[in-house]
Amino acid sequence: DYKHNLVVASYPRGEGKTICMAILTLFRFFNRFGELIHLAGNSKEQASFAHYELIKKTIQNTPKLLNTPGLVIKEKHISLMGGPKEAINQIKAIASSVGLLPGTTCAVFTELHNMSREDEKFFIDLWTSTRATPNAMVLVDTTVAEPGHIVYRIWEEYNKGETPTIFFHHYADQIYNPETTPE
């Protein structure tokens, strides 16, 4: 059983938060049964570009993953098939206005800091789509956001320590990537 159902990686640009979430997504996809993984962002194009293409390229460039029996990689989804029409696991990018998605086992959201206050319902719907599913989780990669923003509110909730199902990983005032400057 997973301890956390909301995992947030909040680092500066270029520090690897998207790749971390992609690797966690691949772990679930290749090691669990019945995974329905939705990739989301502030637009379907953002989710496709940020996560779907990264996940697809990682699989295509990793012989052990690429040679997994039943693996099917299409333009809009990646599946592990148990038979001709039986998808065991699936990954797909979704539009930002789909509403609730029952059966979601993992939702991955990129660049949450860009979400406007008016559009928060989409993220809340995505998050609540996982609540009744055992071991479901939402993975978020984002940079920081101003006070009052949903990213900031999640960070505040995590810091209170009263919601053990939230894990918020961040660091402040450190630059690890030599290409990243304070500016």
C-alpha atoms as a PDB file:
ATOM      1  CA  ASP A   1       0.000   0.000   0.000  1.00  0.00           C
ATOM      2  CA  TYR A   2       1.222   3.464  -0.835  1.00  0.00           C
ATOM      3  CA  LYS A   3       1.463   5.952   2.011  1.00  0.00           C
ATOM      4  CA  HIS A   4       0.796   9.027  -0.153  1.00  0.00           C
ATOM      5  CA  ASN A   5      -1.977   9.702  -2.649  1.00  0.00           C
ATOM      6  CA  LEU A   6      -0.799  13.167  -3.693  1.00  0.00           C
ATOM      7  CA  VAL A   7       2.895  13.574  -4.515  1.00  0.00           C
ATOM      8  CA  VAL A   8       4.174  16.997  -5.577  1.00  0.00           C
ATOM      9  CA  ALA A   9       7.646  17.769  -6.906  1.00  0.00           C
ATOM     10  CA  SER A  10       8.250  21.514  -6.879  1.00  0.00           C
ATOM     11  CA  TYR A  11      11.668  22.509  -8.202  1.00  0.00           C
ATOM     12  CA  PRO A  12      12.995  25.254 -10.472  1.00  0.00           C
ATOM     13  CA  ARG A  13      12.866  24.743 -14.235  1.00  0.00           C
ATOM     14  CA  GLY A  14      15.383  22.248 -15.580  1.00  0.00           C
ATOM     15  CA  GLU A  15      15.874  20.365 -12.301  1.00  0.00           C
ATOM     16  CA  GLY A  16      14.268  17.053 -13.333  1.00  0.00           C
ATOM     17  CA  LYS A  17      10.805  17.141 -11.772  1.00  0.00           C
ATOM     18  CA  THR A  18       9.088  15.997 -14.978  1.00  0.00           C
ATOM     19  CA  ILE A  19      11.452  13.062 -15.453  1.00  0.00           C
ATOM     20  CA  CYS A  20      10.930  12.035 -11.799  1.00  0.00           C
ATOM     21  CA  MET A  21       7.163  11.914 -12.312  1.00  0.00           C
ATOM     22  CA  ALA A  22       7.557  10.084 -15.632  1.00  0.00           C
ATOM     23  CA  ILE A  23       9.708   7.404 -13.968  1.00  0.00           C
ATOM     24  CA  LEU A  24       7.151   6.968 -11.160  1.00  0.00           C
ATOM     25  CA  THR A  25       4.449   6.672 -13.829  1.00  0.00           C
ATOM     26  CA  LEU A  26       6.444   4.012 -15.690  1.00  0.00           C
ATOM     27  CA  PHE A  27       7.003   2.128 -12.435  1.00  0.00           C
ATOM     28  CA  ARG A  28       3.261   1.926 -11.840  1.00  0.00           C
ATOM     29  CA  PHE A  29       2.529   1.048 -15.486  1.00  0.00           C
ATOM     30  CA  PHE A  30       5.020  -1.825 -15.683  1.00  0.00           C
ATOM     31  CA  ASN A  31       4.670  -3.168 -12.114  1.00  0.00           C
ATOM     32  CA  ARG A  32       0.994  -3.014 -11.222  1.00  0.00           C
ATOM     33  CA  PHE A  33      -2.164  -4.568 -12.653  1.00  0.00           C
ATOM     34  CA  GLY A  34      -5.237  -2.631 -13.786  1.00  0.00           C
ATOM     35  CA  GLU A  35      -3.531   0.751 -14.112  1.00  0.00           C
ATOM     36  CA  LEU A  36      -5.505   3.520 -15.797  1.00  0.00           C
ATOM     37  CA  ILE A  37      -3.100   6.443 -15.908  1.00  0.00           C
ATOM     38  CA  HIS A  38      -4.213   9.865 -17.115  1.00  0.00           C
ATOM     39  CA  LEU A  39      -1.681  12.538 -18.055  1.00  0.00           C
ATOM     40  CA  ALA A  40      -2.969  16.063 -17.647  1.00  0.00           C
ATOM     41  CA  GLY A  41      -1.870  19.664 -17.755  1.00  0.00           C
ATOM     42  CA  ASN A  42      -3.326  23.059 -18.391  1.00  0.00           C
ATOM     43  CA  SER A  43      -3.983  21.817 -21.942  1.00  0.00           C
ATOM     44  CA  LYS A  44      -3.930  18.423 -23.646  1.00  0.00           C
ATOM     45  CA  GLU A  45      -1.002  19.623 -25.756  1.00  0.00           C
ATOM     46  CA  GLN A  46       0.987  20.420 -22.606  1.00  0.00           C
ATOM     47  CA  ALA A  47       0.281  16.971 -21.121  1.00  0.00           C
ATOM     48  CA  SER A  48       1.161  15.290 -24.422  1.00  0.00           C
ATOM     49  CA  PHE A  49       4.365  17.231 -24.867  1.00  0.00           C
ATOM     50  CA  ALA A  50       5.570  17.173 -21.266  1.00  0.00           C
ATOM     51  CA  HIS A  51       4.730  13.657 -20.132  1.00  0.00           C
ATOM     52  CA  TYR A  52       3.359  11.466 -22.918  1.00  0.00           C
ATOM     53  CA  GLU A  53       6.245  12.063 -25.323  1.00  0.00           C
ATOM     54  CA  LEU A  54       8.812  11.682 -22.521  1.00  0.00           C
ATOM     55  CA  ILE A  55       7.249   8.409 -21.346  1.00  0.00           C
ATOM     56  CA  LYS A  56       6.975   7.111 -24.913  1.00  0.00           C
ATOM     57  CA  LYS A  57      10.607   7.976 -25.734  1.00  0.00           C
ATOM     58  CA  THR A  58      11.806   6.431 -22.472  1.00  0.00           C
ATOM     59  CA  ILE A  59      10.069   3.164 -23.330  1.00  0.00           C
ATOM     60  CA  GLN A  60      11.305   3.234 -26.934  1.00  0.00           C
ATOM     61  CA  ASN A  61      14.896   3.773 -25.794  1.00  0.00           C
ATOM     62  CA  THR A  62      14.880   1.156 -23.029  1.00  0.00           C
ATOM     63  CA  PRO A  63      15.112  -2.320 -24.612  1.00  0.00           C
ATOM     64  CA  LYS A  64      13.785  -4.162 -21.532  1.00  0.00           C
ATOM     65  CA  LEU A  65      10.657  -1.980 -21.483  1.00  0.00           C
ATOM     66  CA  LEU A  66      10.224  -1.910 -25.263  1.00  0.00           C
ATOM     67  CA  ASN A  67      10.310  -5.719 -25.427  1.00  0.00           C
ATOM     68  CA  THR A  68       7.596  -6.193 -22.796  1.00  0.00           C
ATOM     69  CA  PRO A  69       5.051  -8.735 -24.093  1.00  0.00           C
ATOM     70  CA  GLY A  70       1.723  -7.101 -24.928  1.00  0.00           C
ATOM     71  CA  LEU A  71       3.114  -3.549 -25.120  1.00  0.00           C
ATOM     72  CA  VAL A  72       1.309  -1.358 -27.637  1.00  0.00           C
ATOM     73  CA  ILE A  73       2.423   2.220 -28.291  1.00  0.00           C
ATOM     74  CA  LYS A  74       0.011   4.366 -30.278  1.00  0.00           C
ATOM     75  CA  GLU A  75      -0.147   8.082 -31.009  1.00  0.00           C
ATOM     76  CA  LYS A  76      -2.698   8.719 -28.241  1.00  0.00           C
ATOM     77  CA  HIS A  77      -2.172   5.925 -25.719  1.00  0.00           C
ATOM     78  CA  ILE A  78       0.212   3.263 -24.453  1.00  0.00           C
ATOM     79  CA  SER A  79      -1.229  -0.069 -23.385  1.00  0.00           C
ATOM     80  CA  LEU A  80      -0.206  -3.390 -21.954  1.00  0.00           C
ATOM     81  CA  MET A  81      -2.487  -5.952 -23.535  1.00  0.00           C
ATOM     82  CA  GLY A  82      -3.522  -9.259 -21.997  1.00  0.00           C
ATOM     83  CA  GLY A  83      -5.252 -10.321 -25.210  1.00  0.00           C
ATOM     84  CA  PRO A  84      -6.389  -8.861 -28.542  1.00  0.00           C
ATOM     85  CA  LYS A  85      -8.947  -6.533 -26.957  1.00  0.00           C
ATOM     86  CA  GLU A  86      -7.978  -6.691 -23.281  1.00  0.00           C
ATOM     87  CA  ALA A  87      -5.972  -3.706 -22.034  1.00  0.00           C
ATOM     88  CA  ILE A  88      -4.437  -4.558 -18.666  1.00  0.00           C
ATOM     89  CA  ASN A  89      -2.802  -1.146 -18.180  1.00  0.00           C
ATOM     90  CA  GLN A  90      -3.155   2.107 -20.094  1.00  0.00           C
ATOM     91  CA  ILE A  91      -1.548   5.561 -20.221  1.00  0.00           C
ATOM     92  CA  LYS A  92      -3.163   8.440 -22.102  1.00  0.00           C
ATOM     93  CA  ALA A  93      -3.078  12.215 -22.224  1.00  0.00           C
ATOM     94  CA  ILE A  94      -6.414  13.871 -21.532  1.00  0.00           C
ATOM     95  CA  ALA A  95      -8.018  17.213 -22.281  1.00  0.00           C
ATOM     96  CA  SER A  96      -8.280  19.757 -19.494  1.00  0.00           C
ATOM     97  CA  SER A  97     -12.077  19.768 -19.390  1.00  0.00           C
ATOM     98  CA  VAL A  98     -13.047  16.122 -19.043  1.00  0.00           C
ATOM     99  CA  GLY A  99     -14.617  16.204 -15.579  1.00  0.00           C
ATOM    100  CA  LEU A 100     -14.485  13.210 -13.243  1.00  0.00           C
ATOM    101  CA  LEU A 101     -12.615  10.127 -14.432  1.00  0.00           C
ATOM    102  CA  PRO A 102     -13.794   7.112 -12.422  1.00  0.00           C
ATOM    103  CA  GLY A 103     -11.328   4.235 -12.257  1.00  0.00           C
ATOM    104  CA  THR A 104      -8.254   6.435 -12.532  1.00  0.00           C
ATOM    105  CA  THR A 105      -5.426   4.725 -10.660  1.00  0.00           C
ATOM    106  CA  CYS A 106      -2.835   7.418 -11.323  1.00  0.00           C
ATOM    107  CA  ALA A 107      -3.163  10.978 -12.569  1.00  0.00           C
ATOM    108  CA  VAL A 108      -0.103  12.963 -13.557  1.00  0.00           C
ATOM    109  CA  PHE A 109      -0.375  16.745 -13.745  1.00  0.00           C
ATOM    110  CA  THR A 110       2.320  18.965 -15.194  1.00  0.00           C
ATOM    111  CA  GLU A 111       2.946  22.649 -14.463  1.00  0.00           C
ATOM    112  CA  LEU A 112       0.159  23.081 -11.913  1.00  0.00           C
ATOM    113  CA  HIS A 113       1.550  26.524 -11.042  1.00  0.00           C
ATOM    114  CA  ASN A 114       0.201  27.796 -14.401  1.00  0.00           C
ATOM    115  CA  MET A 115      -3.376  26.882 -13.521  1.00  0.00           C
ATOM    116  CA  SER A 116      -5.681  29.824 -12.984  1.00  0.00           C
ATOM    117  CA  ARG A 117      -7.997  30.044  -9.990  1.00  0.00           C
ATOM    118  CA  GLU A 118     -10.965  29.662 -12.357  1.00  0.00           C
ATOM    119  CA  ASP A 119      -9.618  26.376 -13.756  1.00  0.00           C
ATOM    120  CA  GLU A 120      -8.861  24.689 -10.402  1.00  0.00           C
ATOM    121  CA  LYS A 121     -12.009  22.583 -10.731  1.00  0.00           C
ATOM    122  CA  PHE A 122     -10.256  20.457 -13.370  1.00  0.00           C
ATOM    123  CA  PHE A 123      -7.417  19.563 -10.993  1.00  0.00           C
ATOM    124  CA  ILE A 124      -9.839  18.955  -8.111  1.00  0.00           C
ATOM    125  CA  ASP A 125     -11.945  16.672 -10.350  1.00  0.00           C
ATOM    126  CA  LEU A 126      -8.818  14.799 -11.402  1.00  0.00           C
ATOM    127  CA  TRP A 127      -7.668  14.393  -7.793  1.00  0.00           C
ATOM    128  CA  THR A 128     -11.077  13.295  -6.539  1.00  0.00           C
ATOM    129  CA  SER A 129     -11.305  10.769  -9.403  1.00  0.00           C
ATOM    130  CA  THR A 130      -8.642   8.748  -7.555  1.00  0.00           C
ATOM    131  CA  ARG A 131     -10.095   8.896  -4.038  1.00  0.00           C
ATOM    132  CA  ALA A 132     -12.206   5.721  -4.145  1.00  0.00           C
ATOM    133  CA  THR A 133      -9.499   3.666  -5.862  1.00  0.00           C
ATOM    134  CA  PRO A 134      -7.133   1.722  -3.583  1.00  0.00           C
ATOM    135  CA  ASN A 135      -3.477   2.782  -3.987  1.00  0.00           C
ATOM    136  CA  ALA A 136      -4.380   5.484  -6.500  1.00  0.00           C
ATOM    137  CA  MET A 137      -2.287   8.615  -6.579  1.00  0.00           C
ATOM    138  CA  VAL A 138      -1.851  11.974  -8.219  1.00  0.00           C
ATOM    139  CA  LEU A 139       1.670  12.969  -9.256  1.00  0.00           C
ATOM    140  CA  VAL A 140       2.335  16.680  -9.824  1.00  0.00           C
ATOM    141  CA  ASP A 141       5.361  18.459 -11.204  1.00  0.00           C
ATOM    142  CA  THR A 142       5.368  22.204 -10.826  1.00  0.00           C
ATOM    143  CA  THR A 143       7.430  25.221  -9.967  1.00  0.00           C
ATOM    144  CA  VAL A 144       6.425  27.528  -7.119  1.00  0.00           C
ATOM    145  CA  ALA A 145       3.241  29.582  -7.053  1.00  0.00           C
ATOM    146  CA  GLU A 146       2.122  32.681  -5.231  1.00  0.00           C
ATOM    147  CA  PRO A 147       0.282  32.582  -1.886  1.00  0.00           C
ATOM    148  CA  GLY A 148      -3.351  31.551  -2.332  1.00  0.00           C
ATOM    149  CA  HIS A 149      -2.672  29.443  -5.432  1.00  0.00           C
ATOM    150  CA  ILE A 150      -3.615  25.738  -5.243  1.00  0.00           C
ATOM    151  CA  VAL A 151       0.089  24.745  -5.266  1.00  0.00           C
ATOM    152  CA  TYR A 152       0.729  27.031  -2.313  1.00  0.00           C
ATOM    153  CA  ARG A 153      -2.355  25.723  -0.461  1.00  0.00           C
ATOM    154  CA  ILE A 154      -1.206  22.113  -0.942  1.00  0.00           C
ATOM    155  CA  TRP A 155       2.239  23.093   0.354  1.00  0.00           C
ATOM    156  CA  GLU A 156       0.633  24.738   3.414  1.00  0.00           C
ATOM    157  CA  GLU A 157      -1.468  21.626   4.065  1.00  0.00           C
ATOM    158  CA  TYR A 158       1.640  19.433   3.802  1.00  0.00           C
ATOM    159  CA  ASN A 159       3.569  21.658   6.229  1.00  0.00           C
ATOM    160  CA  LYS A 160       0.810  21.414   8.828  1.00  0.00           C
ATOM    161  CA  GLY A 161       1.558  17.685   8.966  1.00  0.00           C
ATOM    162  CA  GLU A 162      -2.102  16.860   9.474  1.00  0.00           C
ATOM    163  CA  THR A 163      -2.611  15.184   6.082  1.00  0.00           C
ATOM    164  CA  PRO A 164      -0.153  12.281   5.892  1.00  0.00           C
ATOM    165  CA  THR A 165      -1.380  11.274   2.431  1.00  0.00           C
ATOM    166  CA  ILE A 166       0.253  14.378   0.888  1.00  0.00           C
ATOM    167  CA  PHE A 167       3.970  14.426   0.095  1.00  0.00           C
ATOM    168  CA  PHE A 168       5.409  17.722  -1.138  1.00  0.00           C
ATOM    169  CA  HIS A 169       9.062  17.620  -2.165  1.00  0.00           C
ATOM    170  CA  HIS A 170      10.740  20.950  -2.751  1.00  0.00           C
ATOM    171  CA  TYR A 171      13.856  22.857  -1.998  1.00  0.00           C
ATOM    172  CA  ALA A 172      14.563  26.541  -1.724  1.00  0.00           C
ATOM    173  CA  ASP A 173      17.578  28.740  -2.420  1.00  0.00           C
ATOM    174  CA  GLN A 174      19.603  25.990  -4.071  1.00  0.00           C
ATOM    175  CA  ILE A 175      20.643  25.658  -7.672  1.00  0.00           C
ATOM    176  CA  TYR A 176      21.683  22.158  -8.766  1.00  0.00           C
ATOM    177  CA  ASN A 177      21.585  22.447 -12.547  1.00  0.00           C
ATOM    178  CA  PRO A 178      24.661  24.394 -13.721  1.00  0.00           C
ATOM    179  CA  GLU A 179      22.568  25.768 -16.588  1.00  0.00           C
ATOM    180  CA  THR A 180      20.085  27.328 -14.145  1.00  0.00           C
ATOM    181  CA  THR A 181      20.947  30.769 -12.837  1.00  0.00           C
ATOM    182  CA  PRO A 182      19.201  32.785 -10.103  1.00  0.00           C
ATOM    183  CA  GLU A 183      17.584  34.881 -12.828  1.00  0.00           C
END
